[in-house]
C-alpha atoms as a PDB file:
ATOM      1  CA  MET A   1       5.109 -18.139 -11.777  1.00  0.00           C
ATOM      2  CA  LEU A   2       1.591 -18.455 -10.364  1.00  0.00           C
ATOM      3  CA  LEU A   3       0.401 -16.060  -7.689  1.00  0.00           C
ATOM      4  CA  THR A   4      -2.920 -16.561  -5.906  1.00  0.00           C
ATOM      5  CA  PHE A   5      -4.751 -13.640  -4.323  1.00  0.00           C
ATOM      6  CA  LEU A   6      -7.284 -14.414  -1.623  1.00  0.00           C
ATOM      7  CA  THR A   7      -9.592 -11.539  -0.811  1.00  0.00           C
ATOM      8  CA  THR A   8     -11.524 -11.065   2.357  1.00  0.00           C
ATOM      9  CA  PRO A   9     -15.235 -11.693   1.830  1.00  0.00           C
ATOM     10  CA  LEU A  10     -16.884  -8.649   0.304  1.00  0.00           C
ATOM     11  CA  SER A  11     -20.249  -9.694   1.638  1.00  0.00           C
ATOM     12  CA  GLU A  12     -21.974 -12.843   2.808  1.00  0.00           C
ATOM     13  CA  GLU A  13     -22.476 -13.821  -0.834  1.00  0.00           C
ATOM     14  CA  ILE A  14     -19.199 -12.713  -2.410  1.00  0.00           C
ATOM     15  CA  ALA A  15     -15.670 -13.961  -1.781  1.00  0.00           C
ATOM     16  CA  MET A  16     -12.933 -14.131  -4.404  1.00  0.00           C
ATOM     17  CA  THR A  17      -9.728 -15.969  -5.186  1.00  0.00           C
ATOM     18  CA  PHE A  18      -7.611 -14.860  -8.135  1.00  0.00           C
ATOM     19  CA  THR A  19      -4.651 -16.665  -9.636  1.00  0.00           C
ATOM     20  CA  VAL A  20      -2.297 -14.685 -11.853  1.00  0.00           C
ATOM     21  CA  GLU A  21       0.352 -16.294 -14.028  1.00  0.00           C
ATOM     22  CA  PHE A  22       3.512 -14.313 -14.771  1.00  0.00           C
ATOM     23  CA  THR A  23       5.281 -15.439 -17.936  1.00  0.00           C
ATOM     24  CA  PRO A  24       8.210 -15.483 -17.909  1.00  0.00           C
ATOM     25  CA  ASP A  25       8.870 -15.648 -14.159  1.00  0.00           C
ATOM     26  CA  ALA A  26      10.949 -12.459 -14.442  1.00  0.00           C
ATOM     27  CA  ALA A  27       7.695 -10.619 -15.207  1.00  0.00           C
ATOM     28  CA  PHE A  28       6.804 -11.000 -11.521  1.00  0.00           C
ATOM     29  CA  ASP A  29       9.968  -9.149 -10.481  1.00  0.00           C
ATOM     30  CA  GLN A  30       9.182  -6.447 -13.029  1.00  0.00           C
ATOM     31  CA  ALA A  31       5.639  -6.069 -11.645  1.00  0.00           C
ATOM     32  CA  VAL A  32       6.935  -5.871  -8.053  1.00  0.00           C
ATOM     33  CA  GLU A  33       9.421  -3.170  -9.043  1.00  0.00           C
ATOM     34  CA  ALA A  34       6.782  -1.214 -10.966  1.00  0.00           C
ATOM     35  CA  PHE A  35       4.362  -1.252  -8.025  1.00  0.00           C
ATOM     36  CA  ALA A  36       7.153  -0.282  -5.620  1.00  0.00           C
ATOM     37  CA  LYS A  37       7.894   2.791  -7.722  1.00  0.00           C
ATOM     38  CA  ALA A  38       4.253   3.674  -8.373  1.00  0.00           C
ATOM     39  CA  TYR A  39       3.227   3.415  -4.709  1.00  0.00           C
ATOM     40  CA  GLY A  40       6.390   4.815  -3.122  1.00  0.00           C
ATOM     41  CA  TYR A  41       7.512   1.590  -1.435  1.00  0.00           C
ATOM     42  CA  GLN A  42      10.602   2.057   0.745  1.00  0.00           C
ATOM     43  CA  ALA A  43      12.870  -0.871   1.567  1.00  0.00           C
ATOM     44  CA  ALA A  44      14.102   0.976   4.659  1.00  0.00           C
ATOM     45  CA  LEU A  45      12.142   3.097   7.120  1.00  0.00           C
ATOM     46  CA  LEU A  46      13.127   5.360   9.994  1.00  0.00           C
ATOM     47  CA  ASP A  47      12.397   4.201  13.514  1.00  0.00           C
ATOM     48  CA  ASP A  48      11.443   6.501  16.421  1.00  0.00           C
ATOM     49  CA  ASP A  49      15.109   7.334  16.995  1.00  0.00           C
ATOM     50  CA  GLY A  50      15.679   8.264  13.344  1.00  0.00           C
ATOM     51  CA  ALA A  51      17.680   5.136  12.589  1.00  0.00           C
ATOM     52  CA  SER A  52      17.145   3.312   9.299  1.00  0.00           C
ATOM     53  CA  VAL A  53      15.539  -0.109   9.715  1.00  0.00           C
ATOM     54  CA  PRO A  54      14.371  -2.655   7.117  1.00  0.00           C
ATOM     55  CA  ASN A  55      10.728  -2.340   6.104  1.00  0.00           C
ATOM     56  CA  PRO A  56       8.902  -5.284   7.743  1.00  0.00           C
ATOM     57  CA  GLU A  57       6.779  -5.557   4.596  1.00  0.00           C
ATOM     58  CA  GLY A  58       8.940  -6.836   1.759  1.00  0.00           C
ATOM     59  CA  ALA A  59       8.524  -5.539  -1.783  1.00  0.00           C
ATOM     60  CA  GLY A  60       6.756  -8.745  -2.882  1.00  0.00           C
ATOM     61  CA  ALA A  61       4.294  -8.574   0.011  1.00  0.00           C
ATOM     62  CA  HIS A  62       3.707  -4.894  -0.781  1.00  0.00           C
ATOM     63  CA  PHE A  63       2.858  -5.813  -4.383  1.00  0.00           C
ATOM     64  CA  VAL A  64       0.426  -8.539  -3.311  1.00  0.00           C
ATOM     65  CA  ARG A  65      -1.262  -6.225  -0.780  1.00  0.00           C
ATOM     66  CA  ARG A  66      -1.682  -3.417  -3.328  1.00  0.00           C
ATOM     67  CA  VAL A  67      -3.123  -5.726  -6.005  1.00  0.00           C
ATOM     68  CA  ARG A  68      -5.518  -7.279  -3.485  1.00  0.00           C
ATOM     69  CA  GLU A  69      -6.613  -3.816  -2.314  1.00  0.00           C
ATOM     70  CA  PHE A  70      -7.179  -2.701  -5.905  1.00  0.00           C
ATOM     71  CA  ILE A  71      -9.351  -5.728  -6.668  1.00  0.00           C
ATOM     72  CA  VAL A  72     -11.439  -5.398  -3.497  1.00  0.00           C
ATOM     73  CA  GLU A  73     -11.891  -1.628  -3.839  1.00  0.00           C
ATOM     74  CA  THR A  74     -12.869  -1.899  -7.507  1.00  0.00           C
ATOM     75  CA  VAL A  75     -15.469  -4.579  -6.844  1.00  0.00           C
ATOM     76  CA  ARG A  76     -16.880  -2.725  -3.833  1.00  0.00           C
ATOM     77  CA  ALA A  77     -17.087   0.507  -5.810  1.00  0.00           C
ATOM     78  CA  ALA A  78     -18.980  -1.245  -8.573  1.00  0.00           C
ATOM     79  CA  GLY A  79     -21.610  -2.424  -6.103  1.00  0.00           C
ATOM     80  CA  THR A  80     -23.796  -5.027  -7.710  1.00  0.00           C
ATOM     81  CA  GLN A  81     -22.687  -4.132 -11.227  1.00  0.00           C
ATOM     82  CA  THR A  82     -20.555  -6.594 -13.163  1.00  0.00           C
ATOM     83  CA  VAL A  83     -16.917  -5.556 -13.362  1.00  0.00           C
ATOM     84  CA  THR A  84     -15.381  -6.115 -16.798  1.00  0.00           C
ATOM     85  CA  PRO A  85     -11.648  -6.142 -17.504  1.00  0.00           C
ATOM     86  CA  ALA A  86     -10.134  -3.033 -19.057  1.00  0.00           C
ATOM     87  CA  GLU A  87      -7.851  -5.048 -21.329  1.00  0.00           C
ATOM     88  CA  PRO A  88      -9.627  -7.125 -23.971  1.00  0.00           C
ATOM     89  CA  ASN A  89      -6.833  -9.713 -24.039  1.00  0.00           C
ATOM     90  CA  LEU A  90      -7.315 -10.716 -20.385  1.00  0.00           C
ATOM     91  CA  GLU A  91      -7.748 -14.459 -20.164  1.00  0.00           C
ATOM     92  CA  ILE A  92      -9.832 -15.780 -17.291  1.00  0.00           C
ATOM     93  CA  ARG A  93      -9.630 -19.513 -16.778  1.00  0.00           C
ATOM     94  CA  PRO A  94     -11.383 -21.602 -14.124  1.00  0.00           C
ATOM     95  CA  ILE A  95      -9.074 -23.225 -11.600  1.00  0.00           C
END
């Protein structure tokens, strides 16, 4: 499964698009579940009356939002420095 992340422009000079490949496809579901647990995602929320309602942001959308936020925040925090991957086996291929 391929997943493309479009970030909002970080400046006039910097905008990013990332494509991540999950192999096998089930790895995507595993990543979504891991992020849901790590970030406290709730499939149901309470409305103003205290009734349980479905979260308008699905678990997959939550995962995508959190990954996008992480990328943008990391690059912004680094300023003009080059950000290098933490894992040496990360493969970056041009699209």
